[in-house]
Structure formats: C-alpha cells, structure tokens
Amino acid sequence: MLSKDDSRDYDEWDIRIQKTGCAVENENLQMCFDKTKDWRACQKQVQEFKNCWRRHEKDDTNIHTKRAS
C-alpha cells in the first residue's frame, strides 16, 4: 500500500493499479510495449493483465456481496 508521502509521486492511474494488485502485470505490459512499440507483440502481457484485473473485479464483487449479506 502506498503511504501518503509516496502517493505524490504517482498519478491516479498508478495508484489505482497498485490497489488492484496488478502492478507487476501492468509494468510487464508497459515494458513490452515500450520495447516493441506494438501491442500485437505484447498479447501475452495483455492477457496476463486482463486476467489479473478480472480476478480483482471478482474478488471485489465477492467482498461487496459478503458485506451486503
């Protein structure tokens, strides 16, 4: 989790990604694109990021469902 002092070094997107638990997958994707300049060459990284994001959404939905019960 980012401390209050660290948050000023990050933009909103970075903070959101950190909270999802998908920061590593996002960084891998960004590094691939930076290297290749072609999203098509980064499909493995795109899929890994999407899978992580979906897991986060599912976990988040489960948490909210449990609270409502």
Protein backbone atom coordinates (compact mmCIF):
# COMPACT_ATOMS: atom_id res chain seq x y z
CA MET A 1 0.00 0.00 0.00
CA LEU A 2 1.24 3.47 -0.78
CA SER A 3 1.98 5.82 2.05
CA LYS A 4 0.66 9.36 1.94
CA ASP A 5 4.13 10.66 1.08
CA ASP A 6 4.60 8.16 -1.77
CA SER A 7 1.27 9.00 -3.43
CA ARG A 8 2.53 12.37 -4.70
CA ASP A 9 5.00 10.51 -6.93
CA TYR A 10 2.21 8.56 -8.61
CA ASP A 11 -0.62 9.65 -10.83
CA GLU A 12 -4.19 8.44 -10.34
CA TRP A 13 -3.70 5.51 -12.71
CA ASP A 14 -0.62 4.27 -10.86
CA ILE A 15 -2.44 4.43 -7.54
CA ARG A 16 -5.42 2.54 -8.97
CA ILE A 17 -3.18 -0.15 -10.44
CA GLN A 18 -1.35 -0.54 -7.12
CA LYS A 19 -4.66 -1.05 -5.33
CA THR A 20 -5.75 -3.77 -7.77
CA GLY A 21 -2.73 -5.93 -7.09
CA CYS A 22 -1.94 -5.94 -10.83
CA ALA A 23 1.03 -3.57 -10.76
CA VAL A 24 3.54 -6.23 -11.85
CA GLU A 25 1.37 -7.30 -14.79
CA ASN A 26 0.84 -3.67 -15.77
CA GLU A 27 4.56 -2.95 -15.61
CA ASN A 28 5.34 -6.02 -17.73
CA LEU A 29 2.82 -4.87 -20.31
CA GLN A 30 4.18 -1.32 -20.37
CA MET A 31 7.76 -2.57 -20.70
CA CYS A 32 6.80 -4.86 -23.57
CA PHE A 33 5.09 -2.04 -25.41
CA ASP A 34 7.99 0.32 -24.75
CA LYS A 35 10.37 -2.26 -26.21
CA THR A 36 8.27 -3.31 -29.23
CA LYS A 37 6.03 -0.27 -29.87
CA ASP A 38 3.43 -2.81 -30.98
CA TRP A 39 0.54 -4.02 -28.80
CA ARG A 40 0.19 -7.08 -31.05
CA ALA A 41 3.62 -8.26 -29.93
CA CYS A 42 2.53 -8.00 -26.28
CA GLN A 43 -0.56 -10.20 -26.33
CA LYS A 44 0.80 -12.49 -23.60
CA GLN A 45 1.27 -9.48 -21.30
CA VAL A 46 -2.12 -8.03 -22.29
CA GLN A 47 -3.80 -11.32 -21.37
CA GLU A 48 -1.93 -11.60 -18.06
CA PHE A 49 -3.02 -8.06 -17.14
CA LYS A 50 -6.63 -8.74 -18.17
CA ASN A 51 -6.69 -11.96 -16.13
CA CYS A 52 -5.34 -10.17 -13.07
CA TRP A 53 -7.86 -7.34 -13.49
CA ARG A 54 -10.72 -9.84 -13.77
CA ARG A 55 -9.56 -11.63 -10.61
CA HIS A 56 -9.54 -8.29 -8.82
CA GLU A 57 -13.06 -7.44 -10.02
CA LYS A 58 -14.28 -10.87 -8.93
CA ASP A 59 -12.64 -10.51 -5.50
CA ASP A 60 -14.07 -7.00 -5.15
CA THR A 61 -17.56 -8.24 -6.07
CA ASN A 62 -17.30 -11.07 -3.53
CA ILE A 63 -16.30 -8.65 -0.79
CA HIS A 64 -19.25 -6.36 -1.52
CA THR A 65 -21.66 -9.32 -1.69
CA LYS A 66 -20.46 -10.64 1.67
CA ARG A 67 -20.89 -7.21 3.28
CA ALA A 68 -24.46 -6.93 1.98
CA SER A 69 -25.40 -10.33 3.42
